[in-house]
N, C-alpha and C. Protein backbone atom coordinates (compact mmCIF):
# COMPACT_ATOMS: atom_id res chain seq x y z
N MET A 1 25.78 13.94 41.06
CA MET A 1 25.26 14.82 40.66
C MET A 1 25.52 16.03 41.80
N GLU A 2 25.67 17.04 40.76
CA GLU A 2 26.19 18.54 41.08
C GLU A 2 25.15 19.05 41.99
N MET A 3 25.39 19.58 43.29
CA MET A 3 24.43 20.22 44.14
C MET A 3 23.25 21.48 43.27
N GLY A 4 22.02 21.09 43.83
CA GLY A 4 21.25 21.89 43.38
C GLY A 4 20.37 21.34 42.08
N ARG A 5 21.19 20.19 41.20
CA ARG A 5 20.84 20.46 39.61
C ARG A 5 19.96 19.53 39.92
N LYS A 6 18.44 19.86 39.43
CA LYS A 6 17.60 19.46 39.00
C LYS A 6 17.40 18.09 37.76
N ILE A 7 16.69 17.15 37.83
CA ILE A 7 16.75 15.97 36.41
C ILE A 7 15.47 16.16 35.92
N PRO A 8 15.42 16.51 34.45
CA PRO A 8 13.65 16.52 34.13
C PRO A 8 12.90 15.59 34.52
N PRO A 9 11.78 15.08 34.59
CA PRO A 9 10.84 14.31 34.58
C PRO A 9 11.77 13.32 32.94
N ASN A 10 11.33 11.85 33.59
CA ASN A 10 11.99 11.11 32.39
C ASN A 10 13.31 11.05 31.86
N GLU A 11 13.95 12.01 32.35
CA GLU A 11 15.54 12.14 32.28
C GLU A 11 16.23 10.64 33.19
N TYR A 12 17.42 10.50 32.26
CA TYR A 12 17.56 9.23 32.74
C TYR A 12 19.29 9.38 33.40
N GLU A 13 19.50 9.64 34.49
CA GLU A 13 20.45 9.80 35.17
C GLU A 13 21.56 8.63 35.18
N LEU A 14 22.58 8.35 35.01
CA LEU A 14 23.73 7.88 35.16
C LEU A 14 25.11 7.60 35.45
N GLY A 15 25.67 7.03 35.41
CA GLY A 15 26.95 7.20 35.69
C GLY A 15 27.62 6.09 36.72
N ILE A 16 28.90 6.51 36.76
CA ILE A 16 29.46 5.82 37.79
C ILE A 16 31.07 7.20 38.33
N ASP A 17 31.77 6.80 39.75
CA ASP A 17 32.47 8.00 40.01
C ASP A 17 33.66 7.79 38.63
N TRP A 18 34.48 8.73 38.28
CA TRP A 18 34.79 8.90 37.14
C TRP A 18 36.19 8.54 37.19
N ILE A 19 36.74 8.10 38.59
CA ILE A 19 37.79 7.26 38.97
C ILE A 19 37.55 5.70 38.55
N ARG A 20 36.16 4.99 38.48
CA ARG A 20 36.57 3.75 37.63
C ARG A 20 36.28 4.06 36.52
N ILE A 21 35.89 4.82 35.49
CA ILE A 21 35.24 4.78 34.28
C ILE A 21 36.62 3.73 33.27
N PRO A 22 37.76 3.94 33.65
CA PRO A 22 38.77 3.74 32.65
C PRO A 22 38.77 1.83 32.97
N THR A 23 38.57 1.17 34.48
CA THR A 23 38.47 -0.06 34.85
C THR A 23 37.32 -0.52 34.10
N GLU A 24 36.00 0.18 34.24
CA GLU A 24 34.80 -0.07 33.89
C GLU A 24 34.52 -0.46 32.21
N LEU A 25 35.38 0.60 31.36
CA LEU A 25 35.53 0.34 29.99
C LEU A 25 36.33 -1.34 29.79
N LYS A 26 37.26 -1.17 30.33
CA LYS A 26 38.20 -1.90 30.49
C LYS A 26 37.53 -3.45 29.95
N MET A 27 37.06 -3.82 31.25
CA MET A 27 36.18 -5.18 31.77
C MET A 27 35.02 -5.09 31.12
N LEU A 28 34.54 -4.11 30.74
CA LEU A 28 32.97 -4.76 29.54
C LEU A 28 33.48 -4.59 28.38
N CYS A 29 34.68 -4.33 27.78
CA CYS A 29 35.14 -4.95 26.41
C CYS A 29 35.50 -5.77 26.51
N GLU A 30 36.12 -6.27 27.59
CA GLU A 30 36.72 -7.55 28.30
C GLU A 30 35.76 -8.63 27.98
N ASP A 31 34.57 -8.37 28.99
CA ASP A 31 33.44 -9.34 28.65
C ASP A 31 32.77 -9.35 27.73
N VAL A 32 32.43 -8.47 26.42
CA VAL A 32 32.02 -8.51 25.39
C VAL A 32 32.67 -9.38 24.53
N GLU A 33 33.98 -8.91 24.38
CA GLU A 33 35.04 -10.13 23.84
C GLU A 33 34.81 -11.98 24.27
N PHE A 34 34.95 -11.83 25.30
CA PHE A 34 34.81 -13.33 25.79
C PHE A 34 33.49 -13.92 25.62
N GLN A 35 32.24 -13.13 25.63
CA GLN A 35 30.96 -13.65 25.20
C GLN A 35 30.74 -13.65 24.16
N ARG A 36 31.50 -12.62 23.18
CA ARG A 36 31.37 -13.24 21.41
C ARG A 36 31.99 -14.36 21.44
N GLN A 37 32.95 -14.55 22.18
CA GLN A 37 34.11 -15.95 21.24
C GLN A 37 33.26 -17.22 21.80
N GLN A 38 32.85 -16.89 23.28
CA GLN A 38 31.91 -18.04 23.40
C GLN A 38 30.66 -18.13 22.81
N GLN A 39 29.72 -17.14 22.09
CA GLN A 39 28.90 -17.03 21.68
C GLN A 39 27.44 -17.01 22.99
N SER A 40 27.86 -16.19 23.82
CA SER A 40 27.35 -16.26 25.37
C SER A 40 25.80 -16.11 24.73
N PHE A 41 25.33 -14.66 23.79
CA PHE A 41 24.23 -13.99 23.36
C PHE A 41 24.26 -14.27 22.09
N PRO A 42 22.85 -14.54 21.40
CA PRO A 42 23.14 -13.69 19.99
C PRO A 42 23.73 -12.45 19.73
N ILE A 43 24.08 -12.34 18.76
CA ILE A 43 24.83 -10.69 18.60
C ILE A 43 23.83 -9.72 18.32
N ASP A 44 22.52 -9.93 18.38
CA ASP A 44 21.91 -8.70 18.56
C ASP A 44 21.74 -8.27 19.66
N GLU A 45 21.39 -9.39 21.07
CA GLU A 45 21.34 -9.42 22.52
C GLU A 45 22.48 -8.89 22.73
N LEU A 46 23.75 -9.13 22.30
CA LEU A 46 25.09 -9.01 22.91
C LEU A 46 25.21 -7.50 22.62
N ALA A 47 25.03 -6.92 21.32
CA ALA A 47 25.49 -5.83 21.15
C ALA A 47 24.68 -4.43 21.90
N VAL A 48 23.34 -5.06 21.87
CA VAL A 48 22.10 -4.18 22.77
C VAL A 48 22.94 -4.35 24.46
N ARG A 49 23.35 -5.66 25.07
CA ARG A 49 23.99 -5.15 26.20
C ARG A 49 25.34 -4.35 26.25
N PHE A 50 26.04 -4.57 25.31
CA PHE A 50 26.94 -3.74 25.27
C PHE A 50 26.67 -2.41 25.03
N SER A 51 25.54 -1.69 24.50
CA SER A 51 25.09 -0.43 24.58
C SER A 51 24.29 0.10 25.79
N HIS A 52 23.85 -0.66 26.09
CA HIS A 52 23.28 -0.72 27.79
C HIS A 52 24.42 -0.32 29.22
N ARG A 53 25.23 -1.27 28.67
CA ARG A 53 26.74 -1.04 29.74
C ARG A 53 27.37 0.12 29.99
N LEU A 54 27.31 0.34 28.63
CA LEU A 54 28.21 1.73 28.20
C LEU A 54 27.66 2.86 28.78
N VAL A 55 26.25 2.89 28.62
CA VAL A 55 25.36 3.83 28.80
C VAL A 55 25.50 3.95 30.64
N ALA A 56 24.97 2.91 31.01
CA ALA A 56 25.17 3.04 32.49
C ALA A 56 26.56 3.26 33.02
N ILE A 57 27.98 2.85 32.65
CA ILE A 57 29.41 3.61 33.00
C ILE A 57 29.42 5.16 32.48
N HIS A 58 28.25 5.47 31.56
CA HIS A 58 28.53 6.87 31.17
C HIS A 58 29.96 7.36 31.22
N PRO A 59 30.31 7.54 30.39
CA PRO A 59 31.95 7.98 30.56
C PRO A 59 31.93 9.25 29.77
N PHE A 60 31.23 10.00 29.10
CA PHE A 60 31.14 10.96 28.47
C PHE A 60 30.18 12.04 29.60
N THR A 61 30.64 13.37 29.24
CA THR A 61 29.31 14.71 29.57
C THR A 61 28.50 14.35 28.95
N ASN A 62 28.51 13.87 27.77
CA ASN A 62 27.25 14.28 26.64
C ASN A 62 27.46 13.59 25.67
N GLY A 63 26.43 12.53 25.33
CA GLY A 63 26.82 11.63 23.58
C GLY A 63 26.68 10.13 24.11
N ASN A 64 26.57 9.58 25.65
CA ASN A 64 26.78 8.33 25.78
C ASN A 64 25.36 7.58 25.10
N GLY A 65 24.47 7.90 25.05
CA GLY A 65 23.80 7.35 24.33
C GLY A 65 24.26 7.25 22.60
N ARG A 66 24.27 8.26 22.28
CA ARG A 66 24.65 7.97 20.18
C ARG A 66 26.11 7.34 20.17
N CYS A 67 26.83 7.54 21.25
CA CYS A 67 28.47 6.61 21.52
C CYS A 67 27.83 5.00 21.27
N SER A 68 27.32 4.83 22.15
CA SER A 68 26.58 3.60 22.78
C SER A 68 26.20 2.66 21.43
N ARG A 69 25.07 3.69 20.81
CA ARG A 69 24.19 2.78 20.06
C ARG A 69 25.19 2.74 18.62
N LEU A 70 25.68 4.15 18.64
CA LEU A 70 26.79 3.20 17.45
C LEU A 70 27.51 2.76 17.39
N ILE A 71 28.30 1.77 18.67
CA ILE A 71 28.91 1.01 18.81
C ILE A 71 27.86 -0.49 18.58
N ALA A 72 27.27 -0.40 19.15
CA ALA A 72 26.66 -1.28 18.77
C ALA A 72 25.78 -1.97 17.53
N ASP A 73 25.78 -0.80 16.67
CA ASP A 73 25.60 -0.93 15.51
C ASP A 73 26.81 -1.27 14.57
N LEU A 74 28.04 -0.93 14.88
CA LEU A 74 29.07 -1.66 14.33
C LEU A 74 29.55 -3.38 14.72
N LEU A 75 29.01 -3.48 15.99
CA LEU A 75 29.30 -4.85 16.12
C LEU A 75 28.61 -5.55 14.93
N MET A 76 27.00 -5.36 15.31
CA MET A 76 25.96 -5.75 14.28
C MET A 76 26.49 -6.04 12.84
N VAL A 77 26.89 -4.70 12.60
CA VAL A 77 27.55 -4.92 10.69
C VAL A 77 29.13 -5.34 10.81
N LYS A 78 30.19 -5.91 12.00
CA LYS A 78 31.29 -6.52 11.94
C LYS A 78 30.85 -8.05 11.94
N ALA A 79 29.86 -8.27 12.33
CA ALA A 79 29.08 -9.26 12.20
C ALA A 79 28.14 -9.69 11.38
N GLY A 80 28.53 -9.11 10.36
CA GLY A 80 27.28 -9.12 8.75
C GLY A 80 25.52 -9.12 9.10
N GLN A 81 25.54 -8.50 9.91
CA GLN A 81 23.90 -8.79 10.48
C GLN A 81 23.75 -6.66 10.47
N GLN A 82 22.56 -6.78 9.93
CA GLN A 82 22.13 -5.15 9.89
C GLN A 82 21.91 -4.51 11.18
N ARG A 83 22.20 -3.08 11.25
CA ARG A 83 22.38 -2.38 11.75
C ARG A 83 21.15 -2.11 12.54
N PHE A 84 21.24 -1.63 13.75
CA PHE A 84 19.83 -1.40 14.52
C PHE A 84 19.03 -0.46 13.87
N THR A 85 17.80 0.32 14.10
CA THR A 85 16.83 1.34 13.63
C THR A 85 16.50 1.87 14.74
N TRP A 86 16.99 1.71 15.86
CA TRP A 86 16.23 2.38 17.38
C TRP A 86 15.73 3.09 17.45
N GLY A 87 14.31 2.77 17.16
CA GLY A 87 13.12 3.22 16.70
C GLY A 87 12.75 4.74 15.83
N SER A 88 13.79 4.39 14.98
CA SER A 88 13.72 5.11 14.10
C SER A 88 12.91 6.31 14.09
N ARG A 89 13.61 7.25 14.82
CA ARG A 89 13.85 8.83 15.33
C ARG A 89 14.63 9.14 16.31
N ASN A 90 14.52 10.31 15.84
CA ASN A 90 15.49 11.31 16.32
C ASN A 90 15.21 10.66 18.29
N LEU A 91 16.55 10.71 19.12
CA LEU A 91 16.22 10.01 20.46
C LEU A 91 16.84 11.56 21.19
N THR A 92 17.74 12.65 20.52
CA THR A 92 18.39 13.39 21.26
C THR A 92 17.20 14.39 21.51
N ASP A 93 16.25 14.64 21.09
CA ASP A 93 15.13 15.45 21.48
C ASP A 93 13.87 14.66 22.85
N MET A 94 13.31 15.46 23.44
CA MET A 94 12.61 14.90 23.81
C MET A 94 11.09 14.64 23.40
N SER A 95 10.95 12.99 23.42
CA SER A 95 9.63 13.03 22.37
C SER A 95 9.09 11.84 23.00
N GLU A 96 8.05 11.02 22.09
CA GLU A 96 7.47 9.47 22.75
C GLU A 96 8.59 8.86 22.51
N THR A 97 9.07 9.06 21.26
CA THR A 97 10.20 7.74 21.39
C THR A 97 11.28 7.71 22.00
N ARG A 98 11.80 9.15 22.07
CA ARG A 98 13.17 8.93 23.69
C ARG A 98 12.67 8.30 24.89
N THR A 99 11.20 8.77 25.12
CA THR A 99 10.40 8.39 26.23
C THR A 99 10.46 6.62 26.55
N LYS A 100 10.35 6.00 25.42
CA LYS A 100 10.04 4.12 25.45
C LYS A 100 11.39 3.89 24.96
N TYR A 101 12.72 4.51 24.86
CA TYR A 101 14.13 4.45 24.67
C TYR A 101 14.64 4.33 26.19
N ILE A 102 14.32 5.56 27.06
CA ILE A 102 14.53 5.26 28.42
C ILE A 102 13.72 4.61 29.54
N LYS A 103 12.79 4.22 29.19
CA LYS A 103 11.94 3.25 29.50
C LYS A 103 12.34 1.66 29.53
N ALA A 104 12.62 1.91 28.38
CA ALA A 104 13.57 0.09 27.92
C ALA A 104 15.01 0.19 28.38
N LEU A 105 15.60 1.42 28.54
CA LEU A 105 17.09 1.62 29.59
C LEU A 105 16.76 1.17 31.28
N LYS A 106 15.79 1.42 31.78
CA LYS A 106 15.15 1.17 33.02
C LYS A 106 15.09 -0.21 32.76
N GLU A 107 14.14 -0.69 32.07
CA GLU A 107 13.95 -1.82 32.07
C GLU A 107 15.21 -2.75 32.24
N ALA A 108 16.29 -2.52 31.47
CA ALA A 108 17.45 -3.38 31.46
C ALA A 108 18.29 -3.54 32.55
N ASP A 109 18.31 -1.87 33.51
CA ASP A 109 18.65 -1.90 34.56
C ASP A 109 18.15 -2.91 35.66
N ASN A 110 17.17 -3.44 35.53
CA ASN A 110 16.32 -4.21 36.15
C ASN A 110 16.30 -5.90 35.26
N TYR A 111 17.45 -5.78 34.88
CA TYR A 111 17.74 -6.91 34.05
C TYR A 111 16.72 -7.68 33.36
N ASN A 112 15.97 -6.90 32.59
CA ASN A 112 15.27 -7.25 31.84
C ASN A 112 15.76 -6.70 30.26
N ILE A 113 16.59 -7.48 29.49
CA ILE A 113 17.35 -6.59 28.22
C ILE A 113 16.31 -6.69 26.77
N ILE A 114 14.87 -7.40 27.51
CA ILE A 114 14.10 -7.67 25.95
C ILE A 114 13.44 -6.30 25.47
N PRO A 115 13.00 -5.53 26.61
CA PRO A 115 12.30 -4.24 26.13
C PRO A 115 13.64 -3.25 25.19
N LEU A 116 14.36 -3.22 25.69
CA LEU A 116 15.84 -2.53 25.11
C LEU A 116 16.13 -3.50 23.63
N LEU A 117 16.02 -4.68 23.22
CA LEU A 117 16.27 -5.29 22.05
C LEU A 117 15.39 -5.38 21.18
N GLU A 118 13.65 -4.72 21.84
CA GLU A 118 13.09 -4.65 20.62
C GLU A 118 13.10 -3.31 20.21
N PHE A 119 12.92 -2.30 21.00
CA PHE A 119 13.14 -0.89 20.36
C PHE A 119 14.51 -0.80 19.90
N ALA A 120 15.64 -1.88 20.02
CA ALA A 120 16.78 -1.65 18.87
C ALA A 120 16.27 -1.47 17.37
N LYS A 121 15.43 -2.80 17.43
CA LYS A 121 14.82 -3.40 16.14
C LYS A 121 13.56 -2.43 15.56
N SER A 122 13.13 -1.51 16.31
CA SER A 122 11.73 -0.90 15.90
C SER A 122 11.99 -0.02 15.16
């Protein structure tokens, strides 16, 4: 975090050291492919876990959530499933829906993926 930068309340600050991003992205893709092949999780849970981990890596300055949700939706569609609705609202504006999304991400940080999976389907 830059010195003096203040995070607004309810904002979800994430990211790893920039030097680790390529390695972590490669590991994420390899892990998800292995989990898909092994059927470690149902496809909806696998897609949400992918989205959560990509947001945590935070490879971009902006748009990490949108990118992660898009890829999760593509995983669902590729598996012949319906894409997620992700709260059926705009998640870029501060709103009750975004607050729920951030809360679900924080729960997933604590190894409770269920709220994020439920949010993705809401």
